[in-house]
Amino acid sequence: MKKGLKILMWVVLGTVFIGAVGFLTMQLWNWLVPELFNGPAITFWQAMGLLVLSKILFSGIGGKRGNSGHCKHRYYEKWSAMTPDERARFKEKMKDKWCRKSPDETAEMK
């Protein structure tokens, strides 16, 4: 498939997807809000604005936020300072805490 046609296909699919999400938001709003809260019905473009506003409020405008790099560095330092026995105990503790046990393993342990 030619590169230009592929790009056009993704642009069209992206536009259809965004339009479908906006239409679904409008329909859900107009179905629930006027009935439950006596609020106004909204148009498609108001629904799109609502989606953009919620993205800004809940996700922020930029990319990733937070100190994930700092946290990774801090945990790497802690991990590096552990002895092999401490690492093994830590791994076992995390495995017990987070890994699900199958019914067979639970029966064997009792």
N, C-alpha and C. Protein backbone atom coordinates (compact mmCIF):
# COMPACT_ATOMS: atom_id res chain seq x y z
N MET A 1 0.85 -1.17 0.00
CA MET A 1 0.00 0.00 0.00
C MET A 1 0.90 1.24 0.00
N LYS A 2 0.56 2.22 -0.80
CA LYS A 2 1.38 3.42 -0.87
C LYS A 2 1.30 4.19 0.43
N LYS A 3 2.38 4.87 0.75
CA LYS A 3 2.48 5.58 2.03
C LYS A 3 1.42 6.67 2.15
N GLY A 4 1.19 7.42 1.10
CA GLY A 4 0.20 8.50 1.13
C GLY A 4 -1.21 7.98 1.37
N LEU A 5 -1.55 6.86 0.75
CA LEU A 5 -2.86 6.25 0.93
C LEU A 5 -3.03 5.73 2.35
N LYS A 6 -1.97 5.17 2.91
CA LYS A 6 -2.00 4.68 4.28
C LYS A 6 -2.22 5.83 5.27
N ILE A 7 -1.53 6.94 5.06
CA ILE A 7 -1.69 8.11 5.92
C ILE A 7 -3.12 8.64 5.82
N LEU A 8 -3.64 8.72 4.61
CA LEU A 8 -5.02 9.18 4.41
C LEU A 8 -6.01 8.26 5.11
N MET A 9 -5.77 6.95 5.04
CA MET A 9 -6.65 6.00 5.70
C MET A 9 -6.66 6.24 7.22
N TRP A 10 -5.48 6.44 7.83
CA TRP A 10 -5.41 6.69 9.27
C TRP A 10 -6.06 8.01 9.66
N VAL A 11 -5.90 9.02 8.82
CA VAL A 11 -6.56 10.30 9.10
C VAL A 11 -8.07 10.13 9.07
N VAL A 12 -8.58 9.43 8.07
CA VAL A 12 -10.02 9.21 7.96
C VAL A 12 -10.52 8.38 9.13
N LEU A 13 -9.82 7.28 9.47
CA LEU A 13 -10.22 6.45 10.60
C LEU A 13 -10.17 7.22 11.92
N GLY A 14 -9.15 8.04 12.09
CA GLY A 14 -9.04 8.86 13.30
C GLY A 14 -10.19 9.85 13.41
N THR A 15 -10.53 10.48 12.29
CA THR A 15 -11.63 11.44 12.28
C THR A 15 -12.96 10.75 12.58
N VAL A 16 -13.16 9.58 11.98
CA VAL A 16 -14.40 8.82 12.25
C VAL A 16 -14.46 8.41 13.71
N PHE A 17 -13.34 7.96 14.28
CA PHE A 17 -13.31 7.55 15.68
C PHE A 17 -13.62 8.72 16.61
N ILE A 18 -12.99 9.86 16.39
CA ILE A 18 -13.23 11.04 17.22
C ILE A 18 -14.68 11.49 17.09
N GLY A 19 -15.20 11.46 15.86
CA GLY A 19 -16.60 11.82 15.65
C GLY A 19 -17.55 10.87 16.36
N ALA A 20 -17.23 9.57 16.33
CA ALA A 20 -18.08 8.58 17.00
C ALA A 20 -18.06 8.77 18.51
N VAL A 21 -16.89 9.07 19.07
CA VAL A 21 -16.79 9.31 20.51
C VAL A 21 -17.56 10.57 20.88
N GLY A 22 -17.46 11.61 20.07
CA GLY A 22 -18.22 12.83 20.33
C GLY A 22 -19.72 12.60 20.24
N PHE A 23 -20.14 11.84 19.24
CA PHE A 23 -21.57 11.54 19.08
C PHE A 23 -22.08 10.70 20.25
N LEU A 24 -21.29 9.72 20.67
CA LEU A 24 -21.67 8.89 21.81
C LEU A 24 -21.77 9.73 23.09
N THR A 25 -20.83 10.63 23.29
CA THR A 25 -20.87 11.52 24.45
C THR A 25 -22.13 12.38 24.42
N MET A 26 -22.43 12.94 23.27
CA MET A 26 -23.63 13.77 23.13
C MET A 26 -24.89 12.96 23.45
N GLN A 27 -24.98 11.75 22.90
CA GLN A 27 -26.16 10.92 23.12
C GLN A 27 -26.31 10.54 24.59
N LEU A 28 -25.21 10.14 25.22
CA LEU A 28 -25.28 9.78 26.63
C LEU A 28 -25.68 10.97 27.50
N TRP A 29 -25.09 12.13 27.21
CA TRP A 29 -25.43 13.34 27.97
C TRP A 29 -26.92 13.66 27.81
N ASN A 30 -27.36 13.68 26.56
CA ASN A 30 -28.75 14.06 26.29
C ASN A 30 -29.75 13.01 26.80
N TRP A 31 -29.31 11.79 27.01
CA TRP A 31 -30.17 10.76 27.55
C TRP A 31 -30.24 10.84 29.07
N LEU A 32 -29.11 11.14 29.73
CA LEU A 32 -29.06 11.09 31.18
C LEU A 32 -29.26 12.44 31.88
N VAL A 33 -28.53 13.45 31.49
CA VAL A 33 -28.50 14.71 32.25
C VAL A 33 -29.85 15.42 32.29
N PRO A 34 -30.55 15.62 31.18
CA PRO A 34 -31.84 16.30 31.29
C PRO A 34 -32.84 15.56 32.18
N GLU A 35 -32.82 14.25 32.12
CA GLU A 35 -33.77 13.46 32.91
C GLU A 35 -33.40 13.45 34.40
N LEU A 36 -32.11 13.26 34.69
CA LEU A 36 -31.69 13.11 36.09
C LEU A 36 -31.51 14.43 36.82
N PHE A 37 -30.97 15.45 36.14
CA PHE A 37 -30.60 16.68 36.81
C PHE A 37 -31.30 17.92 36.26
N ASN A 38 -32.26 17.74 35.36
CA ASN A 38 -32.93 18.86 34.69
C ASN A 38 -31.92 19.79 34.01
N GLY A 39 -30.83 19.20 33.49
CA GLY A 39 -29.82 19.98 32.79
C GLY A 39 -30.18 20.15 31.33
N PRO A 40 -29.40 20.95 30.62
CA PRO A 40 -29.70 21.20 29.20
C PRO A 40 -29.22 20.06 28.31
N ALA A 41 -29.83 19.95 27.16
CA ALA A 41 -29.33 19.05 26.12
C ALA A 41 -28.18 19.78 25.41
N ILE A 42 -27.22 19.02 24.89
CA ILE A 42 -26.07 19.65 24.24
C ILE A 42 -25.98 19.21 22.78
N THR A 43 -25.24 20.01 22.01
CA THR A 43 -25.01 19.70 20.60
C THR A 43 -23.74 18.86 20.46
N PHE A 44 -23.48 18.40 19.25
CA PHE A 44 -22.28 17.61 18.98
C PHE A 44 -21.02 18.41 19.35
N TRP A 45 -20.97 19.68 18.95
CA TRP A 45 -19.76 20.48 19.20
C TRP A 45 -19.59 20.79 20.68
N GLN A 46 -20.68 20.91 21.41
CA GLN A 46 -20.57 21.08 22.85
C GLN A 46 -20.04 19.80 23.49
N ALA A 47 -20.45 18.65 22.97
CA ALA A 47 -19.93 17.38 23.47
C ALA A 47 -18.43 17.26 23.20
N MET A 48 -18.00 17.69 22.02
CA MET A 48 -16.57 17.68 21.70
C MET A 48 -15.81 18.60 22.65
N GLY A 49 -16.36 19.79 22.92
CA GLY A 49 -15.74 20.70 23.86
C GLY A 49 -15.67 20.11 25.27
N LEU A 50 -16.71 19.39 25.65
CA LEU A 50 -16.73 18.72 26.95
C LEU A 50 -15.63 17.67 27.04
N LEU A 51 -15.41 16.93 25.97
CA LEU A 51 -14.34 15.93 25.94
C LEU A 51 -12.96 16.59 26.05
N VAL A 52 -12.77 17.69 25.33
CA VAL A 52 -11.49 18.41 25.39
C VAL A 52 -11.27 18.97 26.79
N LEU A 53 -12.31 19.56 27.37
CA LEU A 53 -12.21 20.11 28.72
C LEU A 53 -11.87 19.02 29.74
N SER A 54 -12.53 17.87 29.64
CA SER A 54 -12.25 16.79 30.59
C SER A 54 -10.83 16.26 30.41
N LYS A 55 -10.33 16.22 29.18
CA LYS A 55 -8.95 15.81 28.93
C LYS A 55 -7.98 16.78 29.60
N ILE A 56 -8.23 18.07 29.46
CA ILE A 56 -7.36 19.07 30.08
C ILE A 56 -7.42 18.97 31.60
N LEU A 57 -8.61 18.85 32.15
CA LEU A 57 -8.75 18.83 33.60
C LEU A 57 -8.19 17.57 34.24
N PHE A 58 -8.39 16.43 33.61
CA PHE A 58 -8.00 15.17 34.23
C PHE A 58 -6.64 14.64 33.78
N SER A 59 -6.16 15.04 32.62
CA SER A 59 -4.88 14.52 32.13
C SER A 59 -3.82 15.59 31.97
N GLY A 60 -4.20 16.82 31.94
CA GLY A 60 -3.24 17.88 31.69
C GLY A 60 -3.08 18.13 30.21
N ILE A 61 -2.39 19.19 29.87
CA ILE A 61 -2.22 19.56 28.47
C ILE A 61 -1.02 18.87 27.85
N GLY A 62 0.06 18.76 28.61
CA GLY A 62 1.30 18.20 28.08
C GLY A 62 1.31 16.69 28.08
N GLY A 63 2.52 16.16 27.97
CA GLY A 63 2.70 14.71 27.97
C GLY A 63 2.67 14.17 29.38
N LYS A 64 3.57 13.23 29.64
CA LYS A 64 3.61 12.60 30.96
C LYS A 64 4.02 13.61 32.02
N ARG A 65 3.38 13.45 33.17
CA ARG A 65 3.72 14.31 34.30
C ARG A 65 4.19 13.43 35.44
N GLY A 66 4.81 14.06 36.39
CA GLY A 66 5.22 13.32 37.57
C GLY A 66 6.72 13.09 37.59
N ASN A 67 7.16 12.42 38.61
CA ASN A 67 8.58 12.19 38.82
C ASN A 67 8.93 10.72 38.62
N SER A 68 8.39 10.10 37.60
CA SER A 68 8.61 8.67 37.41
C SER A 68 10.09 8.36 37.25
N GLY A 69 10.85 9.21 36.59
CA GLY A 69 12.28 8.99 36.43
C GLY A 69 13.00 9.07 37.76
N HIS A 70 12.60 10.02 38.59
CA HIS A 70 13.20 10.18 39.90
C HIS A 70 12.91 8.96 40.77
N CYS A 71 11.66 8.48 40.73
CA CYS A 71 11.28 7.32 41.53
C CYS A 71 12.04 6.08 41.09
N LYS A 72 12.17 5.88 39.79
CA LYS A 72 12.90 4.73 39.29
C LYS A 72 14.35 4.77 39.76
N HIS A 73 14.94 5.94 39.71
CA HIS A 73 16.33 6.10 40.14
C HIS A 73 16.47 5.78 41.62
N ARG A 74 15.53 6.27 42.43
CA ARG A 74 15.58 6.04 43.87
C ARG A 74 15.45 4.55 44.19
N TYR A 75 14.54 3.84 43.52
CA TYR A 75 14.38 2.41 43.77
C TYR A 75 15.57 1.62 43.25
N TYR A 76 16.16 2.06 42.16
CA TYR A 76 17.35 1.39 41.66
C TYR A 76 18.48 1.49 42.68
N GLU A 77 18.62 2.67 43.29
CA GLU A 77 19.64 2.83 44.32
C GLU A 77 19.39 1.90 45.50
N LYS A 78 18.13 1.80 45.95
CA LYS A 78 17.79 0.90 47.06
C LYS A 78 18.10 -0.55 46.67
N TRP A 79 17.71 -0.95 45.45
CA TRP A 79 17.93 -2.31 44.99
C TRP A 79 19.42 -2.61 44.92
N SER A 80 20.20 -1.66 44.45
CA SER A 80 21.65 -1.86 44.32
C SER A 80 22.32 -2.02 45.68
N ALA A 81 21.77 -1.38 46.72
CA ALA A 81 22.36 -1.45 48.05
C ALA A 81 21.98 -2.72 48.80
N MET A 82 21.03 -3.50 48.29
CA MET A 82 20.60 -4.73 48.97
C MET A 82 21.60 -5.85 48.75
N THR A 83 21.69 -6.71 49.74
CA THR A 83 22.50 -7.93 49.59
C THR A 83 21.67 -8.94 48.81
N PRO A 84 22.30 -9.97 48.28
CA PRO A 84 21.53 -11.00 47.55
C PRO A 84 20.44 -11.65 48.42
N ASP A 85 20.72 -11.86 49.70
CA ASP A 85 19.69 -12.43 50.58
C ASP A 85 18.52 -11.47 50.75
N GLU A 86 18.79 -10.18 50.90
CA GLU A 86 17.72 -9.19 51.03
C GLU A 86 16.88 -9.11 49.76
N ARG A 87 17.55 -9.21 48.61
CA ARG A 87 16.83 -9.20 47.34
C ARG A 87 15.90 -10.41 47.23
N ALA A 88 16.40 -11.57 47.61
CA ALA A 88 15.58 -12.79 47.54
C ALA A 88 14.38 -12.68 48.47
N ARG A 89 14.59 -12.17 49.70
CA ARG A 89 13.47 -11.99 50.62
C ARG A 89 12.46 -10.99 50.08
N PHE A 90 12.96 -9.90 49.48
CA PHE A 90 12.08 -8.89 48.91
C PHE A 90 11.25 -9.48 47.76
N LYS A 91 11.90 -10.22 46.87
CA LYS A 91 11.19 -10.85 45.75
C LYS A 91 10.11 -11.80 46.25
N GLU A 92 10.45 -12.61 47.25
CA GLU A 92 9.48 -13.56 47.80
C GLU A 92 8.31 -12.84 48.44
N LYS A 93 8.60 -11.76 49.15
CA LYS A 93 7.54 -10.96 49.78
C LYS A 93 6.60 -10.37 48.72
N MET A 94 7.16 -9.82 47.64
CA MET A 94 6.34 -9.24 46.58
C MET A 94 5.55 -10.32 45.85
N LYS A 95 6.16 -11.49 45.67
CA LYS A 95 5.47 -12.60 45.01
C LYS A 95 4.28 -13.05 45.85
N ASP A 96 4.49 -13.17 47.16
CA ASP A 96 3.39 -13.56 48.05
C ASP A 96 2.28 -12.51 48.07
N LYS A 97 2.68 -11.27 47.99
CA LYS A 97 1.70 -10.18 48.08
C LYS A 97 0.91 -10.01 46.79
N TRP A 98 1.55 -10.10 45.63
CA TRP A 98 0.92 -9.71 44.38
C TRP A 98 0.56 -10.85 43.44
N CYS A 99 1.20 -12.00 43.57
CA CYS A 99 0.92 -13.09 42.64
C CYS A 99 -0.20 -13.96 43.18
N ARG A 100 -1.15 -14.25 42.33
CA ARG A 100 -2.26 -15.12 42.72
C ARG A 100 -1.78 -16.56 42.76
N LYS A 101 -2.30 -17.25 43.72
CA LYS A 101 -1.98 -18.66 43.82
C LYS A 101 -3.13 -19.46 43.22
N SER A 102 -2.78 -20.52 42.51
CA SER A 102 -3.81 -21.39 41.95
C SER A 102 -4.42 -22.21 43.08
N PRO A 103 -5.62 -22.74 42.90
CA PRO A 103 -6.24 -23.57 43.94
C PRO A 103 -5.39 -24.77 44.32
N ASP A 104 -4.61 -25.33 43.36
CA ASP A 104 -3.76 -26.47 43.66
C ASP A 104 -2.64 -26.09 44.62
N GLU A 105 -2.02 -24.92 44.39
CA GLU A 105 -0.94 -24.47 45.26
C GLU A 105 -1.47 -24.18 46.66
N THR A 106 -2.65 -23.59 46.77
CA THR A 106 -3.23 -23.27 48.05
C THR A 106 -3.51 -24.56 48.84
N ALA A 107 -3.99 -25.61 48.16
CA ALA A 107 -4.26 -26.88 48.81
C ALA A 107 -2.98 -27.55 49.29
N GLU A 108 -1.90 -27.44 48.49
CA GLU A 108 -0.62 -28.03 48.87
C GLU A 108 -0.03 -27.36 50.10
N MET A 109 -0.24 -26.05 50.25
CA MET A 109 0.33 -25.31 51.35
C MET A 109 -0.32 -25.67 52.69
N LYS A 110 -1.56 -26.14 52.67
CA LYS A 110 -2.28 -26.43 53.92
C LYS A 110 -1.95 -27.78 54.46
